[in-house]
Amino acid sequence: MKAITANRLTDGRVIYRTAAAQWSTRFEDAHPLTEDEAEAVLALAGRESAIAVGPYLIELGEHAPAGQKWRREGIRIDGPTSGTTRQIAPALNDRAA
């Protein structure tokens, strides 16, 4: 099975094509497509450039992305892997009086 994913034009968020031919930010809403359906639906999604940027097909497992690019898609779902950034306060120099 396959699904269609893209980035939303307005804010870059990851979106998935739903069974109602809409877009959702929830992976759970991604509409599973057969091999026969996938290319035709992808062509329709590609025409929605005012909503979705760069739609493409991903492999679907039972509850997560599958196939060779499963790690990439997992990162797209969950967000950055490096954690939050924080500033480190500059070291204070000891000064002799």
Foldseek 3Di string as FASTA:
>chain_A
DKWKWFAFPPPRAIWTQAPVRDIDSDPVRTDDDDPVVVVVSQVVVVVVVNTGDDMDMFDDDDRATDDPCRVVRVCSNVDDDPDDDDDDDDDDDDDDD
